[in-house]
Amino acid sequence: MENFLQNIDLSTLLVLTVGGVLLCVVGIVLFFGLQIVSSTLGLVVNFFDLFAGILGGGPVSWCGCLLVLIICAGCAGIGLLAVTCSSNPASMNFCVFFAR
């Protein structure tokens, strides 16, 4: 074993050096890459967990959330109507009905 370092040549040293550098680079990439993937998946899973908690909370606890969702849908509908009225002349009679 003591003669191992005495008989090492340049190509073996180069292979060991490149292998060590690649191990460090791959380790760093895996370290940061797995953190990014796990935080992104955690964000998506927490969103669906929150939504499932609202839906599974019972009739009393999620009525306020349902009301907020209905109000948000109404605001989106009003915004869509405003865009449609300004860009589609065929719907002008429908838009005049709401303008009064």
PDB file of N, CA and C in Angstrom:
ATOM      1  N   MET A   1       0.813  -1.193   0.000  1.00  0.00           N
ATOM      2  CA  MET A   1       0.000   0.000   0.000  1.00  0.00           C
ATOM      3  C   MET A   1       0.862   1.264   0.000  1.00  0.00           C
ATOM      4  N   GLU A   2       2.054   1.182   0.565  1.00  0.00           N
ATOM      5  CA  GLU A   2       2.887   2.370   0.607  1.00  0.00           C
ATOM      6  C   GLU A   2       3.476   2.718  -0.758  1.00  0.00           C
ATOM      7  N   ASN A   3       3.473   1.772  -1.699  1.00  0.00           N
ATOM      8  CA  ASN A   3       3.990   2.036  -3.035  1.00  0.00           C
ATOM      9  C   ASN A   3       2.915   2.554  -3.991  1.00  0.00           C
ATOM     10  N   PHE A   4       1.694   2.659  -3.513  1.00  0.00           N
ATOM     11  CA  PHE A   4       0.601   3.097  -4.391  1.00  0.00           C
ATOM     12  C   PHE A   4       0.832   4.517  -4.890  1.00  0.00           C
ATOM     13  N   LEU A   5       1.210   5.412  -3.982  1.00  0.00           N
ATOM     14  CA  LEU A   5       1.428   6.796  -4.384  1.00  0.00           C
ATOM     15  C   LEU A   5       2.729   6.979  -5.149  1.00  0.00           C
ATOM     16  N   GLN A   6       3.632   6.074  -5.043  1.00  0.00           N
ATOM     17  CA  GLN A   6       4.895   6.161  -5.767  1.00  0.00           C
ATOM     18  C   GLN A   6       4.726   5.819  -7.246  1.00  0.00           C
ATOM     19  N   ASN A   7       3.755   4.962  -7.558  1.00  0.00           N
ATOM     20  CA  ASN A   7       3.589   4.486  -8.928  1.00  0.00           C
ATOM     21  C   ASN A   7       2.446   5.188  -9.673  1.00  0.00           C
ATOM     22  N   ILE A   8       1.934   6.255  -9.162  1.00  0.00           N
ATOM     23  CA  ILE A   8       0.812   6.945  -9.813  1.00  0.00           C
ATOM     24  C   ILE A   8       1.351   7.782 -10.969  1.00  0.00           C
ATOM     25  N   ASP A   9       0.672   7.743 -12.109  1.00  0.00           N
ATOM     26  CA  ASP A   9       1.114   8.521 -13.263  1.00  0.00           C
ATOM     27  C   ASP A   9       0.160   9.700 -13.485  1.00  0.00           C
ATOM     28  N   LEU A  10       0.442  10.488 -14.499  1.00  0.00           N
ATOM     29  CA  LEU A  10      -0.300  11.725 -14.748  1.00  0.00           C
ATOM     30  C   LEU A  10      -1.741  11.454 -15.153  1.00  0.00           C
ATOM     31  N   SER A  11      -1.996  10.417 -15.941  1.00  0.00           N
ATOM     32  CA  SER A  11      -3.364  10.138 -16.388  1.00  0.00           C
ATOM     33  C   SER A  11      -4.247   9.694 -15.222  1.00  0.00           C
ATOM     34  N   THR A  12      -3.711   8.918 -14.303  1.00  0.00           N
ATOM     35  CA  THR A  12      -4.477   8.504 -13.139  1.00  0.00           C
ATOM     36  C   THR A  12      -4.777   9.699 -12.244  1.00  0.00           C
ATOM     37  N   LEU A  13      -3.807  10.572 -12.076  1.00  0.00           N
ATOM     38  CA  LEU A  13      -4.009  11.783 -11.286  1.00  0.00           C
ATOM     39  C   LEU A  13      -5.056  12.685 -11.920  1.00  0.00           C
ATOM     40  N   LEU A  14      -5.044  12.784 -13.239  1.00  0.00           N
ATOM     41  CA  LEU A  14      -6.025  13.599 -13.958  1.00  0.00           C
ATOM     42  C   LEU A  14      -7.424  13.011 -13.797  1.00  0.00           C
ATOM     43  N   VAL A  15      -7.549  11.698 -13.900  1.00  0.00           N
ATOM     44  CA  VAL A  15      -8.852  11.043 -13.742  1.00  0.00           C
ATOM     45  C   VAL A  15      -9.382  11.250 -12.332  1.00  0.00           C
ATOM     46  N   LEU A  16      -8.527  11.105 -11.329  1.00  0.00           N
ATOM     47  CA  LEU A  16      -8.950  11.310  -9.949  1.00  0.00           C
ATOM     48  C   LEU A  16      -9.360  12.769  -9.693  1.00  0.00           C
ATOM     49  N   THR A  17      -8.631  13.707 -10.265  1.00  0.00           N
ATOM     50  CA  THR A  17      -8.948  15.120 -10.083  1.00  0.00           C
ATOM     51  C   THR A  17     -10.262  15.479 -10.755  1.00  0.00           C
ATOM     52  N   VAL A  18     -10.437  15.048 -12.005  1.00  0.00           N
ATOM     53  CA  VAL A  18     -11.681  15.338 -12.734  1.00  0.00           C
ATOM     54  C   VAL A  18     -12.860  14.667 -12.040  1.00  0.00           C
ATOM     55  N   GLY A  19     -12.663  13.450 -11.566  1.00  0.00           N
ATOM     56  CA  GLY A  19     -13.734  12.756 -10.844  1.00  0.00           C
ATOM     57  C   GLY A  19     -14.120  13.479  -9.570  1.00  0.00           C
ATOM     58  N   GLY A  20     -13.150  13.971  -8.824  1.00  0.00           N
ATOM     59  CA  GLY A  20     -13.443  14.718  -7.599  1.00  0.00           C
ATOM     60  C   GLY A  20     -14.176  16.015  -7.875  1.00  0.00           C
ATOM     61  N   VAL A  21     -13.746  16.731  -8.920  1.00  0.00           N
ATOM     62  CA  VAL A  21     -14.414  17.987  -9.286  1.00  0.00           C
ATOM     63  C   VAL A  21     -15.854  17.713  -9.735  1.00  0.00           C
ATOM     64  N   LEU A  22     -16.058  16.677 -10.536  1.00  0.00           N
ATOM     65  CA  LEU A  22     -17.410  16.349 -10.988  1.00  0.00           C
ATOM     66  C   LEU A  22     -18.306  15.944  -9.815  1.00  0.00           C
ATOM     67  N   LEU A  23     -17.748  15.217  -8.860  1.00  0.00           N
ATOM     68  CA  LEU A  23     -18.537  14.858  -7.684  1.00  0.00           C
ATOM     69  C   LEU A  23     -18.964  16.094  -6.905  1.00  0.00           C
ATOM     70  N   CYS A  24     -18.082  17.055  -6.769  1.00  0.00           N
ATOM     71  CA  CYS A  24     -18.435  18.295  -6.064  1.00  0.00           C
ATOM     72  C   CYS A  24     -19.492  19.085  -6.823  1.00  0.00           C
ATOM     73  N   VAL A  25     -19.317  19.218  -8.135  1.00  0.00           N
ATOM     74  CA  VAL A  25     -20.282  19.979  -8.944  1.00  0.00           C
ATOM     75  C   VAL A  25     -21.643  19.301  -8.936  1.00  0.00           C
ATOM     76  N   VAL A  26     -21.673  17.983  -9.123  1.00  0.00           N
ATOM     77  CA  VAL A  26     -22.943  17.253  -9.117  1.00  0.00           C
ATOM     78  C   VAL A  26     -23.596  17.354  -7.747  1.00  0.00           C
ATOM     79  N   GLY A  27     -22.804  17.294  -6.694  1.00  0.00           N
ATOM     80  CA  GLY A  27     -23.351  17.422  -5.345  1.00  0.00           C
ATOM     81  C   GLY A  27     -23.985  18.777  -5.113  1.00  0.00           C
ATOM     82  N   ILE A  28     -23.331  19.840  -5.558  1.00  0.00           N
ATOM     83  CA  ILE A  28     -23.880  21.188  -5.381  1.00  0.00           C
ATOM     84  C   ILE A  28     -25.151  21.361  -6.203  1.00  0.00           C
ATOM     85  N   VAL A  29     -25.144  20.885  -7.444  1.00  0.00           N
ATOM     86  CA  VAL A  29     -26.336  20.987  -8.293  1.00  0.00           C
ATOM     87  C   VAL A  29     -27.497  20.204  -7.691  1.00  0.00           C
ATOM     88  N   LEU A  30     -27.233  19.009  -7.205  1.00  0.00           N
ATOM     89  CA  LEU A  30     -28.292  18.220  -6.572  1.00  0.00           C
ATOM     90  C   LEU A  30     -28.802  18.890  -5.301  1.00  0.00           C
ATOM     91  N   PHE A  31     -27.909  19.470  -4.527  1.00  0.00           N
ATOM     92  CA  PHE A  31     -28.301  20.128  -3.288  1.00  0.00           C
ATOM     93  C   PHE A  31     -29.272  21.269  -3.555  1.00  0.00           C
ATOM     94  N   PHE A  32     -28.925  22.171  -4.466  1.00  0.00           N
ATOM     95  CA  PHE A  32     -29.796  23.305  -4.758  1.00  0.00           C
ATOM     96  C   PHE A  32     -30.995  22.891  -5.601  1.00  0.00           C
ATOM     97  N   GLY A  33     -30.803  21.967  -6.526  1.00  0.00           N
ATOM     98  CA  GLY A  33     -31.905  21.528  -7.380  1.00  0.00           C
ATOM     99  C   GLY A  33     -32.999  20.834  -6.592  1.00  0.00           C
ATOM    100  N   LEU A  34     -32.626  19.977  -5.659  1.00  0.00           N
ATOM    101  CA  LEU A  34     -33.638  19.306  -4.842  1.00  0.00           C
ATOM    102  C   LEU A  34     -34.367  20.275  -3.928  1.00  0.00           C
ATOM    103  N   GLN A  35     -33.699  21.314  -3.451  1.00  0.00           N
ATOM    104  CA  GLN A  35     -34.382  22.326  -2.646  1.00  0.00           C
ATOM    105  C   GLN A  35     -35.405  23.087  -3.476  1.00  0.00           C
ATOM    106  N   ILE A  36     -35.056  23.438  -4.700  1.00  0.00           N
ATOM    107  CA  ILE A  36     -35.984  24.166  -5.570  1.00  0.00           C
ATOM    108  C   ILE A  36     -37.175  23.285  -5.909  1.00  0.00           C
ATOM    109  N   VAL A  37     -36.931  22.026  -6.254  1.00  0.00           N
ATOM    110  CA  VAL A  37     -38.028  21.119  -6.606  1.00  0.00           C
ATOM    111  C   VAL A  37     -38.930  20.877  -5.402  1.00  0.00           C
ATOM    112  N   SER A  38     -38.351  20.657  -4.230  1.00  0.00           N
ATOM    113  CA  SER A  38     -39.180  20.376  -3.060  1.00  0.00           C
ATOM    114  C   SER A  38     -39.970  21.595  -2.615  1.00  0.00           C
ATOM    115  N   SER A  39     -39.409  22.784  -2.729  1.00  0.00           N
ATOM    116  CA  SER A  39     -40.166  23.974  -2.343  1.00  0.00           C
ATOM    117  C   SER A  39     -41.295  24.252  -3.334  1.00  0.00           C
ATOM    118  N   THR A  40     -41.070  24.010  -4.610  1.00  0.00           N
ATOM    119  CA  THR A  40     -42.129  24.203  -5.599  1.00  0.00           C
ATOM    120  C   THR A  40     -43.250  23.197  -5.400  1.00  0.00           C
ATOM    121  N   LEU A  41     -42.893  21.938  -5.209  1.00  0.00           N
ATOM    122  CA  LEU A  41     -43.921  20.928  -4.960  1.00  0.00           C
ATOM    123  C   LEU A  41     -44.649  21.184  -3.651  1.00  0.00           C
ATOM    124  N   GLY A  42     -43.933  21.649  -2.633  1.00  0.00           N
ATOM    125  CA  GLY A  42     -44.571  21.983  -1.363  1.00  0.00           C
ATOM    126  C   GLY A  42     -45.572  23.106  -1.510  1.00  0.00           C
ATOM    127  N   LEU A  43     -45.265  24.096  -2.328  1.00  0.00           N
ATOM    128  CA  LEU A  43     -46.188  25.201  -2.566  1.00  0.00           C
ATOM    129  C   LEU A  43     -47.461  24.716  -3.242  1.00  0.00           C
ATOM    130  N   VAL A  44     -47.325  23.863  -4.249  1.00  0.00           N
ATOM    131  CA  VAL A  44     -48.493  23.323  -4.956  1.00  0.00           C
ATOM    132  C   VAL A  44     -49.324  22.443  -4.032  1.00  0.00           C
ATOM    133  N   VAL A  45     -48.670  21.579  -3.266  1.00  0.00           N
ATOM    134  CA  VAL A  45     -49.397  20.683  -2.361  1.00  0.00           C
ATOM    135  C   VAL A  45     -50.096  21.470  -1.264  1.00  0.00           C
ATOM    136  N   ASN A  46     -49.464  22.510  -0.730  1.00  0.00           N
ATOM    137  CA  ASN A  46     -50.099  23.322   0.306  1.00  0.00           C
ATOM    138  C   ASN A  46     -51.311  24.068  -0.240  1.00  0.00           C
ATOM    139  N   PHE A  47     -51.241  24.525  -1.505  1.00  0.00           N
ATOM    140  CA  PHE A  47     -52.389  25.201  -2.097  1.00  0.00           C
ATOM    141  C   PHE A  47     -53.583  24.251  -2.195  1.00  0.00           C
ATOM    142  N   PHE A  48     -53.338  23.027  -2.696  1.00  0.00           N
ATOM    143  CA  PHE A  48     -54.433  22.071  -2.813  1.00  0.00           C
ATOM    144  C   PHE A  48     -54.918  21.599  -1.445  1.00  0.00           C
ATOM    145  N   ASP A  49     -54.027  21.542  -0.461  1.00  0.00           N
ATOM    146  CA  ASP A  49     -54.431  21.177   0.892  1.00  0.00           C
ATOM    147  C   ASP A  49     -55.327  22.254   1.492  1.00  0.00           C
ATOM    148  N   LEU A  50     -54.998  23.507   1.249  1.00  0.00           N
ATOM    149  CA  LEU A  50     -55.840  24.605   1.722  1.00  0.00           C
ATOM    150  C   LEU A  50     -57.208  24.574   1.052  1.00  0.00           C
ATOM    151  N   PHE A  51     -57.227  24.338  -0.250  1.00  0.00           N
ATOM    152  CA  PHE A  51     -58.492  24.264  -0.978  1.00  0.00           C
ATOM    153  C   PHE A  51     -59.334  23.094  -0.498  1.00  0.00           C
ATOM    154  N   ALA A  52     -58.704  21.937  -0.248  1.00  0.00           N
ATOM    155  CA  ALA A  52     -59.426  20.773   0.254  1.00  0.00           C
ATOM    156  C   ALA A  52     -59.934  21.018   1.670  1.00  0.00           C
ATOM    157  N   GLY A  53     -59.178  21.756   2.463  1.00  0.00           N
ATOM    158  CA  GLY A  53     -59.632  22.096   3.810  1.00  0.00           C
ATOM    159  C   GLY A  53     -60.845  23.005   3.790  1.00  0.00           C
ATOM    160  N   ILE A  54     -60.886  23.916   2.817  1.00  0.00           N
ATOM    161  CA  ILE A  54     -62.057  24.793   2.686  1.00  0.00           C
ATOM    162  C   ILE A  54     -63.277  23.979   2.290  1.00  0.00           C
ATOM    163  N   LEU A  55     -63.100  23.091   1.324  1.00  0.00           N
ATOM    164  CA  LEU A  55     -64.233  22.292   0.853  1.00  0.00           C
ATOM    165  C   LEU A  55     -64.677  21.258   1.880  1.00  0.00           C
ATOM    166  N   GLY A  56     -63.759  20.718   2.651  1.00  0.00           N
ATOM    167  CA  GLY A  56     -64.118  19.687   3.613  1.00  0.00           C
ATOM    168  C   GLY A  56     -64.398  20.212   5.002  1.00  0.00           C
ATOM    169  N   GLY A  57     -64.486  21.502   5.176  1.00  0.00           N
ATOM    170  CA  GLY A  57     -64.637  22.089   6.505  1.00  0.00           C
ATOM    171  C   GLY A  57     -66.030  22.033   7.076  1.00  0.00           C
ATOM    172  N   GLY A  58     -67.015  21.698   6.310  1.00  0.00           N
ATOM    173  CA  GLY A  58     -68.381  21.677   6.814  1.00  0.00           C
ATOM    174  C   GLY A  58     -69.169  22.863   6.303  1.00  0.00           C
ATOM    175  N   PRO A  59     -70.483  22.870   6.581  1.00  0.00           N
ATOM    176  CA  PRO A  59     -71.337  23.931   6.015  1.00  0.00           C
ATOM    177  C   PRO A  59     -71.124  25.295   6.647  1.00  0.00           C
ATOM    178  N   VAL A  60     -70.635  25.361   7.863  1.00  0.00           N
ATOM    179  CA  VAL A  60     -70.510  26.653   8.528  1.00  0.00           C
ATOM    180  C   VAL A  60     -69.161  27.299   8.270  1.00  0.00           C
ATOM    181  N   SER A  61     -68.093  26.510   8.287  1.00  0.00           N
ATOM    182  CA  SER A  61     -66.758  27.100   8.263  1.00  0.00           C
ATOM    183  C   SER A  61     -66.355  27.614   6.887  1.00  0.00           C
ATOM    184  N   TRP A  62     -66.911  27.101   5.803  1.00  0.00           N
ATOM    185  CA  TRP A  62     -66.465  27.563   4.491  1.00  0.00           C
ATOM    186  C   TRP A  62     -67.499  28.400   3.759  1.00  0.00           C
ATOM    187  N   CYS A  63     -68.572  28.803   4.424  1.00  0.00           N
ATOM    188  CA  CYS A  63     -69.554  29.673   3.753  1.00  0.00           C
ATOM    189  C   CYS A  63     -68.946  31.032   3.387  1.00  0.00           C
ATOM    190  N   GLY A  64     -68.113  31.575   4.275  1.00  0.00           N
ATOM    191  CA  GLY A  64     -67.466  32.848   3.969  1.00  0.00           C
ATOM    192  C   GLY A  64     -66.511  32.716   2.791  1.00  0.00           C
ATOM    193  N   CYS A  65     -65.808  31.605   2.726  1.00  0.00           N
ATOM    194  CA  CYS A  65     -64.900  31.385   1.609  1.00  0.00           C
ATOM    195  C   CYS A  65     -65.672  31.215   0.301  1.00  0.00           C
ATOM    196  N   LEU A  66     -66.799  30.535   0.362  1.00  0.00           N
ATOM    197  CA  LEU A  66     -67.630  30.381  -0.835  1.00  0.00           C
ATOM    198  C   LEU A  66     -68.155  31.738  -1.296  1.00  0.00           C
ATOM    199  N   LEU A  67     -68.525  32.591  -0.353  1.00  0.00           N
ATOM    200  CA  LEU A  67     -68.981  33.930  -0.704  1.00  0.00           C
ATOM    201  C   LEU A  67     -67.860  34.736  -1.368  1.00  0.00           C
ATOM    202  N   VAL A  68     -66.640  34.622  -0.856  1.00  0.00           N
ATOM    203  CA  VAL A  68     -65.496  35.320  -1.462  1.00  0.00           C
ATOM    204  C   VAL A  68     -65.244  34.794  -2.868  1.00  0.00           C
ATOM    205  N   LEU A  69     -65.337  33.465  -3.060  1.00  0.00           N
ATOM    206  CA  LEU A  69     -65.146  32.901  -4.399  1.00  0.00           C
ATOM    207  C   LEU A  69     -66.228  33.385  -5.366  1.00  0.00           C
ATOM    208  N   ILE A  70     -67.472  33.490  -4.897  1.00  0.00           N
ATOM    209  CA  ILE A  70     -68.560  33.995  -5.755  1.00  0.00           C
ATOM    210  C   ILE A  70     -68.322  35.458  -6.106  1.00  0.00           C
ATOM    211  N   ILE A  71     -67.861  36.252  -5.150  1.00  0.00           N
ATOM    212  CA  ILE A  71     -67.582  37.667  -5.425  1.00  0.00           C
ATOM    213  C   ILE A  71     -66.431  37.794  -6.425  1.00  0.00           C
ATOM    214  N   CYS A  72     -65.390  36.970  -6.278  1.00  0.00           N
ATOM    215  CA  CYS A  72     -64.270  37.003  -7.236  1.00  0.00           C
ATOM    216  C   CYS A  72     -64.730  36.602  -8.635  1.00  0.00           C
ATOM    217  N   ALA A  73     -65.601  35.588  -8.730  1.00  0.00           N
ATOM    218  CA  ALA A  73     -66.130  35.182 -10.035  1.00  0.00           C
ATOM    219  C   ALA A  73     -66.979  36.291 -10.638  1.00  0.00           C
ATOM    220  N   GLY A  74     -67.753  36.989  -9.804  1.00  0.00           N
ATOM    221  CA  GLY A  74     -68.551  38.107 -10.298  1.00  0.00           C
ATOM    222  C   GLY A  74     -67.687  39.247 -10.817  1.00  0.00           C
ATOM    223  N   CYS A  75     -66.610  39.558 -10.097  1.00  0.00           N
ATOM    224  CA  CYS A  75     -65.692  40.608 -10.554  1.00  0.00           C
ATOM    225  C   CYS A  75     -65.030  40.218 -11.872  1.00  0.00           C
ATOM    226  N   ALA A  76     -64.665  38.944 -11.997  1.00  0.00           N
ATOM    227  CA  ALA A  76     -64.074  38.481 -13.253  1.00  0.00           C
ATOM    228  C   ALA A  76     -65.092  38.561 -14.386  1.00  0.00           C
ATOM    229  N   GLY A  77     -66.356  38.244 -14.108  1.00  0.00           N
ATOM    230  CA  GLY A  77     -67.411  38.351 -15.122  1.00  0.00           C
ATOM    231  C   GLY A  77     -67.653  39.793 -15.550  1.00  0.00           C
ATOM    232  N   ILE A  78     -67.625  40.711 -14.597  1.00  0.00           N
ATOM    233  CA  ILE A  78     -67.800  42.129 -14.930  1.00  0.00           C
ATOM    234  C   ILE A  78     -66.629  42.627 -15.769  1.00  0.00           C
ATOM    235  N   GLY A  79     -65.424  42.196 -15.427  1.00  0.00           N
ATOM    236  CA  GLY A  79     -64.253  42.576 -16.228  1.00  0.00           C
ATOM    237  C   GLY A  79     -64.323  42.012 -17.633  1.00  0.00           C
ATOM    238  N   LEU A  80     -64.769  40.766 -17.763  1.00  0.00           N
ATOM    239  CA  LEU A  80     -64.933  40.160 -19.090  1.00  0.00           C
ATOM    240  C   LEU A  80     -66.012  40.885 -19.884  1.00  0.00           C
ATOM    241  N   LEU A  81     -67.081  41.274 -19.213  1.00  0.00           N
ATOM    242  CA  LEU A  81     -68.149  42.016 -19.879  1.00  0.00           C
ATOM    243  C   LEU A  81     -67.639  43.375 -20.359  1.00  0.00           C
ATOM    244  N   ALA A  82     -66.839  44.034 -19.552  1.00  0.00           N
ATOM    245  CA  ALA A  82     -66.305  45.344 -19.949  1.00  0.00           C
ATOM    246  C   ALA A  82     -65.387  45.214 -21.163  1.00  0.00           C
ATOM    247  N   VAL A  83     -64.581  44.186 -21.207  1.00  0.00           N
ATOM    248  CA  VAL A  83     -63.700  43.980 -22.352  1.00  0.00           C
ATOM    249  C   VAL A  83     -64.518  43.633 -23.589  1.00  0.00           C
ATOM    250  N   THR A  84     -65.553  42.809 -23.415  1.00  0.00           N
ATOM    251  CA  THR A  84     -66.388  42.406 -24.546  1.00  0.00           C
ATOM    252  C   THR A  84     -67.173  43.593 -25.100  1.00  0.00           C
ATOM    253  N   CYS A  85     -67.684  44.449 -24.217  1.00  0.00           N
ATOM    254  CA  CYS A  85     -68.472  45.593 -24.679  1.00  0.00           C
ATOM    255  C   CYS A  85     -67.629  46.596 -25.458  1.00  0.00           C
ATOM    256  N   SER A  86     -66.374  46.732 -25.100  1.00  0.00           N
ATOM    257  CA  SER A  86     -65.548  47.709 -25.805  1.00  0.00           C
ATOM    258  C   SER A  86     -64.998  47.163 -27.117  1.00  0.00           C
ATOM    259  N   SER A  87     -64.983  45.844 -27.281  1.00  0.00           N
ATOM    260  CA  SER A  87     -64.358  45.302 -28.480  1.00  0.00           C
ATOM    261  C   SER A  87     -65.341  44.662 -29.459  1.00  0.00           C
ATOM    262  N   ASN A  88     -66.578  44.398 -29.042  1.00  0.00           N
ATOM    263  CA  ASN A  88     -67.531  43.695 -29.895  1.00  0.00           C
ATOM    264  C   ASN A  88     -68.757  44.588 -30.124  1.00  0.00           C
ATOM    265  N   PRO A  89     -68.905  45.186 -31.302  1.00  0.00           N
ATOM    266  CA  PRO A  89     -70.050  46.071 -31.552  1.00  0.00           C
ATOM    267  C   PRO A  89     -71.378  45.318 -31.578  1.00  0.00           C
ATOM    268  N   ALA A  90     -71.380  44.025 -31.814  1.00  0.00           N
ATOM    269  CA  ALA A  90     -72.630  43.272 -31.868  1.00  0.00           C
ATOM    270  C   ALA A  90     -73.273  43.160 -30.496  1.00  0.00           C
ATOM    271  N   SER A  91     -72.518  43.294 -29.425  1.00  0.00           N
ATOM    272  CA  SER A  91     -73.085  43.173 -28.080  1.00  0.00           C
ATOM    273  C   SER A  91     -73.405  44.528 -27.468  1.00  0.00           C
ATOM    274  N   MET A  92     -73.507  45.571 -28.275  1.00  0.00           N
ATOM    275  CA  MET A  92     -73.743  46.908 -27.743  1.00  0.00           C
ATOM    276  C   MET A  92     -75.111  47.030 -27.081  1.00  0.00           C
ATOM    277  N   ASN A  93     -76.151  46.391 -27.623  1.00  0.00           N
ATOM    278  CA  ASN A  93     -77.468  46.464 -26.992  1.00  0.00           C
ATOM    279  C   ASN A  93     -77.442  45.838 -25.600  1.00  0.00           C
ATOM    280  N   PHE A  94     -76.730  44.745 -25.473  1.00  0.00           N
ATOM    281  CA  PHE A  94     -76.587  44.097 -24.174  1.00  0.00           C
ATOM    282  C   PHE A  94     -75.828  44.996 -23.198  1.00  0.00           C
ATOM    283  N   CYS A  95     -74.815  45.700 -23.697  1.00  0.00           N
ATOM    284  CA  CYS A  95     -74.022  46.593 -22.852  1.00  0.00           C
ATOM    285  C   CYS A  95     -74.796  47.841 -22.461  1.00  0.00           C
ATOM    286  N   VAL A  96     -75.651  48.324 -23.337  1.00  0.00           N
ATOM    287  CA  VAL A  96     -76.467  49.501 -23.020  1.00  0.00           C
ATOM    288  C   VAL A  96     -77.446  49.159 -21.917  1.00  0.00           C
ATOM    289  N   PHE A  97     -77.917  47.912 -21.865  1.00  0.00           N
ATOM    290  CA  PHE A  97     -78.825  47.480 -20.808  1.00  0.00           C
ATOM    291  C   PHE A  97     -78.177  47.637 -19.432  1.00  0.00           C
ATOM    292  N   PHE A  98     -76.874  47.345 -19.325  1.00  0.00           N
ATOM    293  CA  PHE A  98     -76.190  47.480 -18.061  1.00  0.00           C
ATOM    294  C   PHE A  98     -75.720  48.895 -17.791  1.00  0.00           C
ATOM    295  N   ALA A  99     -75.668  49.744 -18.775  1.00  0.00           N
ATOM    296  CA  ALA A  99     -75.183  51.106 -18.596  1.00  0.00           C
ATOM    297  C   ALA A  99     -76.235  52.015 -17.970  1.00  0.00           C
ATOM    298  N   ARG A 100     -77.480  51.607 -17.990  1.00  0.00           N
ATOM    299  CA  ARG A 100     -78.551  52.470 -17.453  1.00  0.00           C
ATOM    300  C   ARG A 100     -78.599  52.460 -15.988  1.00  0.00           C
TER     301      ARG A 100
END
